[in-house]
Amino acid sequence: QVQVMESGGGLVQTGGSLRLSCVASGKVLGFTLMGWYRQAPGQQRELVATVTGGGTTNYGDPVKGRFTVFRDNAKRTVYLQMDNLKPEDTAVYYCTAFRGQYYWGQGTQVTVSS
């Protein structure tokens, strides 16, 4: 059974930074893709950033140039460095890990105050 657990959310002022972490554990050989999605109240879940095992990244347009995703394959951990945060970044951030199917964490709240 695969478990995905996020940490690092919280409250930050506009222009501030936060780093999210996510560990994926379980009896799989590794995750071909890990990353982050987010969902704001009343909105659909949207892509934030993903990274493959080889380090190829993909970012959603709203976060390009401000967020950085990276992973430690040995630790099965993915990180999201969020800089220059804006109020519109406020959302629940979900970590995902893919190996044959998508596994999801329960989410961590990020709130950016204006």
C-alpha atoms as a PDB file:
ATOM      1  CA  GLN A   1       0.000   0.000   0.000  1.00  0.00           C
ATOM      2  CA  VAL A   2       1.314   3.432  -0.946  1.00  0.00           C
ATOM      3  CA  GLN A   3       1.111   6.375   1.401  1.00  0.00           C
ATOM      4  CA  VAL A   4       1.707   9.980   0.426  1.00  0.00           C
ATOM      5  CA  MET A   5       2.201  12.585   3.117  1.00  0.00           C
ATOM      6  CA  GLU A   6       2.685  16.325   2.713  1.00  0.00           C
ATOM      7  CA  SER A   7       4.122  18.832   5.168  1.00  0.00           C
ATOM      8  CA  GLY A   8       5.136  22.471   5.244  1.00  0.00           C
ATOM      9  CA  GLY A   9       1.971  24.429   4.607  1.00  0.00           C
ATOM     10  CA  GLY A  10       0.970  27.477   6.591  1.00  0.00           C
ATOM     11  CA  LEU A  11       0.262  31.188   6.570  1.00  0.00           C
ATOM     12  CA  VAL A  12       2.574  33.639   4.843  1.00  0.00           C
ATOM     13  CA  GLN A  13       2.396  37.239   3.713  1.00  0.00           C
ATOM     14  CA  THR A  14       2.385  38.343   0.092  1.00  0.00           C
ATOM     15  CA  GLY A  15       5.885  38.153  -1.325  1.00  0.00           C
ATOM     16  CA  GLY A  16       6.990  35.543   1.177  1.00  0.00           C
ATOM     17  CA  SER A  17       8.225  32.007   0.692  1.00  0.00           C
ATOM     18  CA  LEU A  18       7.287  28.515   1.786  1.00  0.00           C
ATOM     19  CA  ARG A  19       8.672  25.072   1.089  1.00  0.00           C
ATOM     20  CA  LEU A  20       6.432  22.037   0.916  1.00  0.00           C
ATOM     21  CA  SER A  21       7.699  18.498   1.297  1.00  0.00           C
ATOM     22  CA  CYS A  22       6.109  15.188   0.438  1.00  0.00           C
ATOM     23  CA  VAL A  23       7.208  11.644   1.162  1.00  0.00           C
ATOM     24  CA  ALA A  24       5.773   8.683  -0.721  1.00  0.00           C
ATOM     25  CA  SER A  25       6.214   5.283   0.864  1.00  0.00           C
ATOM     26  CA  GLY A  26       5.164   1.771   0.014  1.00  0.00           C
ATOM     27  CA  LYS A  27       6.159  -1.426  -1.736  1.00  0.00           C
ATOM     28  CA  VAL A  28       6.732  -0.052  -5.219  1.00  0.00           C
ATOM     29  CA  LEU A  29       9.934   0.140  -7.218  1.00  0.00           C
ATOM     30  CA  GLY A  30       9.833   3.899  -7.398  1.00  0.00           C
ATOM     31  CA  PHE A  31       7.653   6.654  -8.770  1.00  0.00           C
ATOM     32  CA  THR A  32       8.038   7.760 -12.354  1.00  0.00           C
ATOM     33  CA  LEU A  33       6.389  11.081 -11.604  1.00  0.00           C
ATOM     34  CA  MET A  34       5.935  13.126  -8.456  1.00  0.00           C
ATOM     35  CA  GLY A  35       4.519  16.553  -8.013  1.00  0.00           C
ATOM     36  CA  TRP A  36       1.945  18.976  -6.785  1.00  0.00           C
ATOM     37  CA  TYR A  37      -1.573  20.089  -7.600  1.00  0.00           C
ATOM     38  CA  ARG A  38      -3.706  22.633  -5.794  1.00  0.00           C
ATOM     39  CA  GLN A  39      -7.353  23.398  -5.279  1.00  0.00           C
ATOM     40  CA  ALA A  40      -8.800  26.691  -4.170  1.00  0.00           C
ATOM     41  CA  PRO A  41     -12.356  26.966  -2.789  1.00  0.00           C
ATOM     42  CA  GLY A  42     -14.933  26.682  -5.553  1.00  0.00           C
ATOM     43  CA  GLN A  43     -12.317  25.875  -8.182  1.00  0.00           C
ATOM     44  CA  GLN A  44     -11.074  22.747  -9.893  1.00  0.00           C
ATOM     45  CA  ARG A  45      -7.826  21.082  -8.951  1.00  0.00           C
ATOM     46  CA  GLU A  46      -5.018  22.441 -11.104  1.00  0.00           C
ATOM     47  CA  LEU A  47      -1.455  21.524 -11.914  1.00  0.00           C
ATOM     48  CA  VAL A  48       1.245  23.281  -9.932  1.00  0.00           C
ATOM     49  CA  ALA A  49       4.387  21.352 -10.873  1.00  0.00           C
ATOM     50  CA  THR A  50       5.622  17.845 -11.566  1.00  0.00           C
ATOM     51  CA  VAL A  51       9.028  16.246 -11.912  1.00  0.00           C
ATOM     52  CA  THR A  52      10.005  12.911 -13.430  1.00  0.00           C
ATOM     53  CA  GLY A  53      12.545  10.533 -12.004  1.00  0.00           C
ATOM     54  CA  GLY A  54      15.026  11.886 -14.516  1.00  0.00           C
ATOM     55  CA  GLY A  55      14.446  15.470 -13.425  1.00  0.00           C
ATOM     56  CA  THR A  56      12.207  16.760 -16.202  1.00  0.00           C
ATOM     57  CA  THR A  57       9.863  19.373 -14.798  1.00  0.00           C
ATOM     58  CA  ASN A  58       6.511  20.776 -15.825  1.00  0.00           C
ATOM     59  CA  TYR A  59       4.877  23.854 -14.327  1.00  0.00           C
ATOM     60  CA  GLY A  60       1.431  25.368 -14.427  1.00  0.00           C
ATOM     61  CA  ASP A  61       1.404  28.797 -16.040  1.00  0.00           C
ATOM     62  CA  PRO A  62       0.411  30.720 -12.865  1.00  0.00           C
ATOM     63  CA  VAL A  63       3.527  29.596 -10.987  1.00  0.00           C
ATOM     64  CA  LYS A  64       6.216  29.656 -13.670  1.00  0.00           C
ATOM     65  CA  GLY A  65       9.221  31.649 -12.553  1.00  0.00           C
ATOM     66  CA  ARG A  66       8.133  31.663  -8.899  1.00  0.00           C
ATOM     67  CA  PHE A  67       7.927  28.010  -7.860  1.00  0.00           C
ATOM     68  CA  THR A  68      10.555  25.298  -8.146  1.00  0.00           C
ATOM     69  CA  VAL A  69       9.915  21.564  -7.891  1.00  0.00           C
ATOM     70  CA  PHE A  70      12.655  19.063  -7.189  1.00  0.00           C
ATOM     71  CA  ARG A  71      12.954  15.576  -5.774  1.00  0.00           C
ATOM     72  CA  ASP A  72      15.249  13.217  -3.938  1.00  0.00           C
ATOM     73  CA  ASN A  73      14.716   9.803  -5.496  1.00  0.00           C
ATOM     74  CA  ALA A  74      16.580   7.960  -2.767  1.00  0.00           C
ATOM     75  CA  LYS A  75      14.276   9.450  -0.146  1.00  0.00           C
ATOM     76  CA  ARG A  76      11.159   9.240  -2.360  1.00  0.00           C
ATOM     77  CA  THR A  77      10.594  12.866  -1.489  1.00  0.00           C
ATOM     78  CA  VAL A  78       9.430  15.756  -3.635  1.00  0.00           C
ATOM     79  CA  TYR A  79       9.711  19.401  -2.672  1.00  0.00           C
ATOM     80  CA  LEU A  80       8.009  22.566  -3.786  1.00  0.00           C
ATOM     81  CA  GLN A  81       9.859  25.806  -3.167  1.00  0.00           C
ATOM     82  CA  MET A  82       7.378  28.654  -3.436  1.00  0.00           C
ATOM     83  CA  ASP A  83       8.729  32.193  -3.705  1.00  0.00           C
ATOM     84  CA  ASN A  84       7.073  35.550  -4.271  1.00  0.00           C
ATOM     85  CA  LEU A  85       3.771  34.149  -3.071  1.00  0.00           C
ATOM     86  CA  LYS A  86       0.546  35.903  -4.003  1.00  0.00           C
ATOM     87  CA  PRO A  87      -2.930  35.796  -2.441  1.00  0.00           C
ATOM     88  CA  GLU A  88      -4.143  33.831  -5.468  1.00  0.00           C
ATOM     89  CA  ASP A  89      -1.774  31.025  -4.480  1.00  0.00           C
ATOM     90  CA  THR A  90      -4.002  30.343  -1.486  1.00  0.00           C
ATOM     91  CA  ALA A  91      -5.245  26.773  -1.805  1.00  0.00           C
ATOM     92  CA  VAL A  92      -4.942  23.249  -0.509  1.00  0.00           C
ATOM     93  CA  TYR A  93      -1.837  21.746  -2.068  1.00  0.00           C
ATOM     94  CA  TYR A  94      -1.892  18.045  -2.867  1.00  0.00           C
ATOM     95  CA  CYS A  95       1.099  15.875  -3.471  1.00  0.00           C
ATOM     96  CA  THR A  96       0.898  13.099  -6.031  1.00  0.00           C
ATOM     97  CA  ALA A  97       3.130  10.166  -6.903  1.00  0.00           C
ATOM     98  CA  PHE A  98       2.644   8.028  -9.997  1.00  0.00           C
ATOM     99  CA  ARG A  99       3.563   4.392 -10.560  1.00  0.00           C
ATOM    100  CA  GLY A 100       0.923   2.704 -12.675  1.00  0.00           C
ATOM    101  CA  GLN A 101      -1.656   4.882 -10.989  1.00  0.00           C
ATOM    102  CA  TYR A 102      -1.786   8.198  -9.194  1.00  0.00           C
ATOM    103  CA  TYR A 103      -1.483   8.199  -5.429  1.00  0.00           C
ATOM    104  CA  TRP A 104      -2.535  11.307  -3.529  1.00  0.00           C
ATOM    105  CA  GLY A 105      -1.854  12.857  -0.181  1.00  0.00           C
ATOM    106  CA  GLN A 106      -4.526  14.443   1.978  1.00  0.00           C
ATOM    107  CA  GLY A 107      -3.355  17.969   1.245  1.00  0.00           C
ATOM    108  CA  THR A 108      -1.784  20.839   3.126  1.00  0.00           C
ATOM    109  CA  GLN A 109      -3.236  24.330   3.387  1.00  0.00           C
ATOM    110  CA  VAL A 110      -1.285  27.303   2.089  1.00  0.00           C
ATOM    111  CA  THR A 111      -2.700  30.727   2.859  1.00  0.00           C
ATOM    112  CA  VAL A 112      -1.181  33.922   1.528  1.00  0.00           C
ATOM    113  CA  SER A 113      -2.359  37.107   3.199  1.00  0.00           C
ATOM    114  CA  SER A 114      -2.490  40.417   1.366  1.00  0.00           C
END
